[in-house]
C-alpha atoms as a PDB file:
ATOM      1  CA  MET A   1     -36.718   8.220  24.742  1.00  0.00           C
ATOM      2  CA  ARG A   2     -39.541  10.088  23.553  1.00  0.00           C
ATOM      3  CA  LYS A   3     -39.560  12.409  20.798  1.00  0.00           C
ATOM      4  CA  LEU A   4     -40.751  15.194  22.284  1.00  0.00           C
ATOM      5  CA  ASP A   5     -37.489  14.957  24.608  1.00  0.00           C
ATOM      6  CA  VAL A   6     -35.141  15.253  21.874  1.00  0.00           C
ATOM      7  CA  ILE A   7     -37.125  17.898  20.466  1.00  0.00           C
ATOM      8  CA  GLY A   8     -36.898  19.270  23.866  1.00  0.00           C
ATOM      9  CA  PHE A   9     -33.213  19.299  23.669  1.00  0.00           C
ATOM     10  CA  HIS A  10     -33.057  21.953  21.023  1.00  0.00           C
ATOM     11  CA  ASN A  11     -35.328  24.112  22.596  1.00  0.00           C
ATOM     12  CA  GLN A  12     -32.943  26.745  24.381  1.00  0.00           C
ATOM     13  CA  PHE A  13     -30.408  26.689  21.198  1.00  0.00           C
ATOM     14  CA  LEU A  14     -33.308  27.477  18.718  1.00  0.00           C
ATOM     15  CA  SER A  15     -34.464  30.290  21.054  1.00  0.00           C
ATOM     16  CA  ASP A  16     -31.518  31.649  21.358  1.00  0.00           C
ATOM     17  CA  PHE A  17     -31.745  32.630  17.389  1.00  0.00           C
ATOM     18  CA  GLY A  18     -35.288  33.671  17.645  1.00  0.00           C
ATOM     19  CA  PHE A  19     -37.302  30.403  17.310  1.00  0.00           C
ATOM     20  CA  LYS A  20     -40.555  29.535  18.716  1.00  0.00           C
ATOM     21  CA  PHE A  21     -41.925  25.933  19.231  1.00  0.00           C
ATOM     22  CA  HIS A  22     -45.299  24.834  17.834  1.00  0.00           C
ATOM     23  CA  PRO A  23     -46.582  22.142  20.149  1.00  0.00           C
ATOM     24  CA  ASN A  24     -49.442  21.009  17.771  1.00  0.00           C
ATOM     25  CA  HIS A  25     -47.102  20.386  14.700  1.00  0.00           C
ATOM     26  CA  LEU A  26     -43.865  19.930  16.662  1.00  0.00           C
ATOM     27  CA  LEU A  27     -41.646  22.383  14.847  1.00  0.00           C
ATOM     28  CA  PHE A  28     -39.939  25.799  15.535  1.00  0.00           C
ATOM     29  CA  PHE A  29     -40.939  28.715  13.368  1.00  0.00           C
ATOM     30  CA  LYS A  30     -39.711  32.358  13.294  1.00  0.00           C
ATOM     31  CA  ASP A  31     -41.819  34.947  11.836  1.00  0.00           C
ATOM     32  CA  PHE A  32     -40.997  37.390   9.323  1.00  0.00           C
ATOM     33  CA  ASP A  33     -43.220  39.981   8.058  1.00  0.00           C
ATOM     34  CA  HIS A  34     -44.029  38.416   4.853  1.00  0.00           C
ATOM     35  CA  GLY A  35     -43.089  34.732   5.675  1.00  0.00           C
ATOM     36  CA  GLN A  36     -41.889  32.265   8.350  1.00  0.00           C
ATOM     37  CA  GLN A  37     -38.479  30.007   8.679  1.00  0.00           C
ATOM     38  CA  VAL A  38     -39.457  26.578  10.214  1.00  0.00           C
ATOM     39  CA  VAL A  39     -37.130  23.663  11.733  1.00  0.00           C
ATOM     40  CA  PHE A  40     -38.478  19.947  11.602  1.00  0.00           C
ATOM     41  CA  ILE A  41     -36.634  18.002  13.879  1.00  0.00           C
ATOM     42  CA  HIS A  42     -37.683  14.240  13.040  1.00  0.00           C
ATOM     43  CA  TYR A  43     -36.766  11.263  15.569  1.00  0.00           C
ATOM     44  CA  SER A  44     -37.697   7.589  15.350  1.00  0.00           C
ATOM     45  CA  GLU A  45     -36.636   4.910  18.202  1.00  0.00           C
ATOM     46  CA  TYR A  46     -36.658   1.176  16.897  1.00  0.00           C
ATOM     47  CA  PRO A  47     -35.321  -1.577  19.502  1.00  0.00           C
ATOM     48  CA  ASP A  48     -31.457  -1.655  17.895  1.00  0.00           C
ATOM     49  CA  VAL A  49     -31.454   1.534  16.041  1.00  0.00           C
ATOM     50  CA  SER A  50     -32.817   5.045  16.513  1.00  0.00           C
ATOM     51  CA  TYR A  51     -32.680   7.768  13.706  1.00  0.00           C
ATOM     52  CA  LEU A  52     -32.270  11.478  13.846  1.00  0.00           C
ATOM     53  CA  GLU A  53     -32.931  13.870  10.942  1.00  0.00           C
ATOM     54  CA  TYR A  54     -33.580  17.799  10.171  1.00  0.00           C
ATOM     55  CA  ASN A  55     -35.420  19.669   7.630  1.00  0.00           C
ATOM     56  CA  LEU A  56     -35.214  23.171   7.158  1.00  0.00           C
ATOM     57  CA  GLY A  57     -38.035  25.401   5.760  1.00  0.00           C
ATOM     58  CA  VAL A  58     -39.192  28.567   4.407  1.00  0.00           C
ATOM     59  CA  ARG A  59     -42.871  30.005   4.099  1.00  0.00           C
ATOM     60  CA  ILE A  60     -43.288  32.877   1.902  1.00  0.00           C
ATOM     61  CA  HIS A  61     -47.401  33.572   2.484  1.00  0.00           C
ATOM     62  CA  GLN A  62     -48.644  35.174  -0.388  1.00  0.00           C
ATOM     63  CA  VAL A  63     -47.278  32.331  -2.436  1.00  0.00           C
ATOM     64  CA  GLU A  64     -48.979  29.834  -0.238  1.00  0.00           C
ATOM     65  CA  GLU A  65     -52.443  31.717   0.100  1.00  0.00           C
ATOM     66  CA  ILE A  66     -52.279  31.901  -3.855  1.00  0.00           C
ATOM     67  CA  ILE A  67     -51.556  27.791  -4.726  1.00  0.00           C
ATOM     68  CA  HIS A  68     -54.090  26.733  -2.389  1.00  0.00           C
ATOM     69  CA  LYS A  69     -56.960  28.506  -4.050  1.00  0.00           C
ATOM     70  CA  PHE A  70     -56.041  26.019  -6.955  1.00  0.00           C
ATOM     71  CA  LEU A  71     -54.979  22.664  -5.176  1.00  0.00           C
ATOM     72  CA  PRO A  72     -57.410  20.704  -3.252  1.00  0.00           C
ATOM     73  CA  SER A  73     -55.718  21.061   0.098  1.00  0.00           C
ATOM     74  CA  LEU A  74     -56.903  20.389   3.309  1.00  0.00           C
ATOM     75  CA  SER A  75     -59.145  23.483   5.141  1.00  0.00           C
ATOM     76  CA  ASP A  76     -56.075  24.385   7.583  1.00  0.00           C
ATOM     77  CA  TYR A  77     -52.976  23.076   5.421  1.00  0.00           C
ATOM     78  CA  SER A  78     -52.652  26.507   3.619  1.00  0.00           C
ATOM     79  CA  ARG A  79     -51.971  28.416   7.257  1.00  0.00           C
ATOM     80  CA  ARG A  80     -49.004  25.943   7.788  1.00  0.00           C
ATOM     81  CA  SER A  81     -47.512  25.090   4.153  1.00  0.00           C
ATOM     82  CA  ILE A  82     -44.277  25.060   3.812  1.00  0.00           C
ATOM     83  CA  THR A  83     -43.061  26.761   0.249  1.00  0.00           C
ATOM     84  CA  LEU A  84     -39.501  25.128  -0.091  1.00  0.00           C
ATOM     85  CA  ILE A  85     -38.154  22.477   2.777  1.00  0.00           C
ATOM     86  CA  GLN A  86     -34.519  21.474   2.123  1.00  0.00           C
ATOM     87  CA  SER A  87     -32.397  18.876   4.371  1.00  0.00           C
ATOM     88  CA  PRO A  88     -28.827  19.757   5.373  1.00  0.00           C
ATOM     89  CA  ASP A  89     -26.875  17.654   3.339  1.00  0.00           C
ATOM     90  CA  LYS A  90     -28.313  19.626   0.278  1.00  0.00           C
ATOM     91  CA  ILE A  91     -27.214  23.290   2.088  1.00  0.00           C
ATOM     92  CA  GLY A  92     -23.825  22.113   3.611  1.00  0.00           C
ATOM     93  CA  LYS A  93     -21.525  18.981   3.560  1.00  0.00           C
ATOM     94  CA  GLU A  94     -21.196  19.021   7.335  1.00  0.00           C
ATOM     95  CA  LEU A  95     -24.506  17.130   8.211  1.00  0.00           C
ATOM     96  CA  PRO A  96     -26.138  13.223   6.449  1.00  0.00           C
ATOM     97  CA  LYS A  97     -29.416  13.712   5.406  1.00  0.00           C
ATOM     98  CA  ARG A  98     -30.216  11.653   8.751  1.00  0.00           C
ATOM     99  CA  PHE A  99     -28.139  10.023  11.765  1.00  0.00           C
ATOM    100  CA  VAL A 100     -28.346   6.309  12.710  1.00  0.00           C
ATOM    101  CA  LEU A 101     -27.997   6.381  16.258  1.00  0.00           C
ATOM    102  CA  ASN A 102     -26.993   3.534  18.206  1.00  0.00           C
ATOM    103  CA  SER A 103     -26.603   4.902  21.958  1.00  0.00           C
ATOM    104  CA  ASN A 104     -27.378   8.187  24.089  1.00  0.00           C
ATOM    105  CA  SER A 105     -23.699   9.751  23.481  1.00  0.00           C
ATOM    106  CA  GLN A 106     -24.296   9.413  19.744  1.00  0.00           C
ATOM    107  CA  LEU A 107     -27.295  11.555  20.074  1.00  0.00           C
ATOM    108  CA  ALA A 108     -25.457  14.474  22.071  1.00  0.00           C
ATOM    109  CA  GLN A 109     -22.661  14.257  19.264  1.00  0.00           C
ATOM    110  CA  SER A 110     -25.275  14.231  16.838  1.00  0.00           C
ATOM    111  CA  ILE A 111     -27.059  17.224  18.360  1.00  0.00           C
ATOM    112  CA  MET A 112     -23.919  19.304  18.889  1.00  0.00           C
ATOM    113  CA  ALA A 113     -23.197  18.786  14.996  1.00  0.00           C
ATOM    114  CA  ALA A 114     -26.556  19.888  13.979  1.00  0.00           C
ATOM    115  CA  GLU A 115     -25.741  23.436  16.360  1.00  0.00           C
ATOM    116  CA  LYS A 116     -22.445  23.904  14.555  1.00  0.00           C
ATOM    117  CA  PHE A 117     -24.325  23.455  11.247  1.00  0.00           C
ATOM    118  CA  PHE A 118     -27.125  25.918  11.850  1.00  0.00           C
ATOM    119  CA  VAL A 119     -24.653  28.409  13.111  1.00  0.00           C
ATOM    120  CA  GLY A 120     -22.499  27.668  10.057  1.00  0.00           C
ATOM    121  CA  HIS A 121     -24.918  27.657   7.272  1.00  0.00           C
ATOM    122  CA  GLY A 122     -28.363  26.664   8.121  1.00  0.00           C
ATOM    123  CA  PHE A 123     -29.378  30.003   9.640  1.00  0.00           C
ATOM    124  CA  HIS A 124     -27.749  31.827   7.006  1.00  0.00           C
ATOM    125  CA  TRP A 125     -29.719  29.510   4.020  1.00  0.00           C
ATOM    126  CA  MET A 126     -33.131  30.673   5.392  1.00  0.00           C
ATOM    127  CA  ASN A 127     -31.634  34.154   5.557  1.00  0.00           C
ATOM    128  CA  GLU A 128     -31.237  34.001   2.011  1.00  0.00           C
ATOM    129  CA  MET A 129     -34.104  31.862   1.079  1.00  0.00           C
ATOM    130  CA  ILE A 130     -36.778  34.401   2.873  1.00  0.00           C
ATOM    131  CA  ILE A 131     -35.913  36.824   0.594  1.00  0.00           C
ATOM    132  CA  PRO A 132     -38.275  36.308  -2.042  1.00  0.00           C
ATOM    133  CA  GLU A 133     -36.082  37.513  -5.301  1.00  0.00           C
ATOM    134  CA  ASN A 134     -33.448  34.283  -3.912  1.00  0.00           C
ATOM    135  CA  LEU A 135     -36.320  32.057  -3.110  1.00  0.00           C
ATOM    136  CA  GLU A 136     -37.609  32.132  -7.022  1.00  0.00           C
ATOM    137  CA  LYS A 137     -34.029  32.153  -8.596  1.00  0.00           C
ATOM    138  CA  ALA A 138     -33.611  28.822  -6.166  1.00  0.00           C
ATOM    139  CA  PHE A 139     -36.978  27.172  -7.747  1.00  0.00           C
ATOM    140  CA  ALA A 140     -35.974  28.209 -11.510  1.00  0.00           C
ATOM    141  CA  ASP A 141     -32.642  26.591 -11.254  1.00  0.00           C
ATOM    142  CA  ARG A 142     -33.766  23.278  -9.626  1.00  0.00           C
ATOM    143  CA  LYS A 143     -36.736  22.992 -11.857  1.00  0.00           C
ATOM    144  CA  GLU A 144     -35.128  20.256 -14.668  1.00  0.00           C
ATOM    145  CA  LYS A 145     -34.263  18.257 -11.735  1.00  0.00           C
ATOM    146  CA  VAL A 146     -37.190  18.920  -9.568  1.00  0.00           C
ATOM    147  CA  PHE A 147     -39.672  17.522 -12.231  1.00  0.00           C
ATOM    148  CA  ARG A 148     -38.770  14.145 -12.134  1.00  0.00           C
ATOM    149  CA  THR A 149     -39.893  14.023  -7.917  1.00  0.00           C
ATOM    150  CA  GLN A 150     -42.921  13.088  -6.828  1.00  0.00           C
ATOM    151  CA  ASN A 151     -43.666  16.348  -5.071  1.00  0.00           C
ATOM    152  CA  PHE A 152     -43.447  18.276  -8.748  1.00  0.00           C
ATOM    153  CA  VAL A 153     -46.961  19.416  -8.752  1.00  0.00           C
ATOM    154  CA  TYR A 154     -46.674  21.656  -5.265  1.00  0.00           C
ATOM    155  CA  TYR A 155     -43.504  22.517  -6.808  1.00  0.00           C
ATOM    156  CA  VAL A 156     -44.666  23.613 -10.631  1.00  0.00           C
ATOM    157  CA  PHE A 157     -47.273  25.694  -8.836  1.00  0.00           C
ATOM    158  CA  ARG A 158     -45.048  27.199  -6.230  1.00  0.00           C
ATOM    159  CA  GLY A 159     -42.283  27.942  -8.694  1.00  0.00           C
ATOM    160  CA  VAL A 160     -44.792  29.985 -11.483  1.00  0.00           C
ATOM    161  CA  THR A 161     -46.502  32.003  -8.859  1.00  0.00           C
ATOM    162  CA  LEU A 162     -43.046  32.884  -7.231  1.00  0.00           C
ATOM    163  CA  ALA A 163     -41.817  33.870 -10.648  1.00  0.00           C
ATOM    164  CA  ARG A 164     -45.066  35.954 -11.810  1.00  0.00           C
ATOM    165  CA  ILE A 165     -44.733  38.078  -8.191  1.00  0.00           C
ATOM    166  CA  TYR A 166     -40.662  38.166  -7.916  1.00  0.00           C
ATOM    167  CA  ASN A 167     -39.881  37.634 -11.675  1.00  0.00           C
ATOM    168  CA  PRO A 168     -41.779  39.107 -13.791  1.00  0.00           C
ATOM    169  CA  ASP A 169     -39.456  39.675 -16.423  1.00  0.00           C
ATOM    170  CA  ASP A 170     -38.762  35.860 -17.085  1.00  0.00           C
ATOM    171  CA  TYR A 171     -42.505  34.970 -15.949  1.00  0.00           C
ATOM    172  CA  PRO A 172     -43.532  34.592 -19.962  1.00  0.00           C
ATOM    173  CA  VAL A 173     -40.582  32.052 -20.430  1.00  0.00           C
ATOM    174  CA  LEU A 174     -41.146  30.156 -17.198  1.00  0.00           C
ATOM    175  CA  ARG A 175     -44.649  29.939 -17.481  1.00  0.00           C
ATOM    176  CA  ASN A 176     -44.450  28.338 -20.607  1.00  0.00           C
ATOM    177  CA  ILE A 177     -41.599  26.087 -19.217  1.00  0.00           C
ATOM    178  CA  TYR A 178     -43.772  24.893 -15.857  1.00  0.00           C
ATOM    179  CA  LEU A 179     -46.886  24.258 -18.104  1.00  0.00           C
ATOM    180  CA  GLU A 180     -44.951  22.417 -20.444  1.00  0.00           C
ATOM    181  CA  GLU A 181     -43.400  19.885 -18.161  1.00  0.00           C
ATOM    182  CA  ILE A 182     -47.356  19.370 -16.110  1.00  0.00           C
ATOM    183  CA  LYS A 183     -48.442  18.488 -19.270  1.00  0.00           C
ATOM    184  CA  LYS A 184     -45.967  15.779 -20.241  1.00  0.00           C
ATOM    185  CA  THR A 185     -45.932  14.360 -16.885  1.00  0.00           C
ATOM    186  CA  GLY A 186     -48.771  12.775 -17.431  1.00  0.00           C
ATOM    187  CA  MET A 187     -50.746  14.390 -14.329  1.00  0.00           C
ATOM    188  CA  THR A 188     -54.763  14.085 -14.450  1.00  0.00           C
ATOM    189  CA  PRO A 189     -57.183  16.378 -16.227  1.00  0.00           C
ATOM    190  CA  PHE A 190     -58.145  17.888 -12.925  1.00  0.00           C
ATOM    191  CA  THR A 191     -54.517  18.951 -12.007  1.00  0.00           C
ATOM    192  CA  ILE A 192     -53.918  20.322 -15.724  1.00  0.00           C
ATOM    193  CA  ALA A 193     -57.077  22.503 -15.215  1.00  0.00           C
ATOM    194  CA  SER A 194     -56.148  23.422 -11.947  1.00  0.00           C
ATOM    195  CA  PHE A 195     -52.977  24.604 -13.046  1.00  0.00           C
ATOM    196  CA  LEU A 196     -54.387  26.574 -15.998  1.00  0.00           C
ATOM    197  CA  GLN A 197     -56.615  28.439 -13.451  1.00  0.00           C
ATOM    198  CA  LEU A 198     -53.694  29.386 -11.802  1.00  0.00           C
ATOM    199  CA  LEU A 199     -51.905  30.585 -14.716  1.00  0.00           C
ATOM    200  CA  ASP A 200     -55.357  32.382 -15.534  1.00  0.00           C
ATOM    201  CA  PHE A 201     -55.061  34.150 -12.033  1.00  0.00           C
ATOM    202  CA  LEU A 202     -51.267  35.098 -12.226  1.00  0.00           C
ATOM    203  CA  ASP A 203     -51.569  36.380 -15.783  1.00  0.00           C
ATOM    204  CA  HIS A 204     -54.494  38.767 -14.495  1.00  0.00           C
ATOM    205  CA  LEU A 205     -52.665  39.718 -11.114  1.00  0.00           C
ATOM    206  CA  ASP A 206     -52.398  43.478 -12.137  1.00  0.00           C
ATOM    207  CA  ASP A 207     -55.607  43.810 -13.558  1.00  0.00           C
END
């Protein structure tokens, strides 16, 4: 079964909740004034088994536009990058990180389980995270764990930017925490310099 066919099975359900399909990026999105909610559906088929996986994302336009001034990104990436992506198993207990499928009937059951998850937990989580103050708190609360992952550079850039804009009272403390972590994690001089340039930009944001 083709990936596009599997994605198409979700179209009516997600459109009922205001999501539109982006054919170039193969994702579903829902616009807000200051950002976007995104649903990724990953389907991989092999001779003996198939895999179905979901990811939920939230984008805050201002944050992405700022950080990509200082990160070596592709020209159009800043327009489609996602501020936070989360797997369903980190949001609720109903879905695994991915489904392992051996038949079409299992595929149908998995899609039904996913729809139940979205109604019960997924849409609520995205509605909460599109509130920038909630998103900033999620970054700050998880920073110690994320520093041990390979994507922590983007995480630090986003976390400190969220803190500066949406949590100015705690920004000085968080600024120093993020700075110390990026220094001691063995980043390249270029990455450290880019982060220092970001901090200088954020420090003078209201000037």
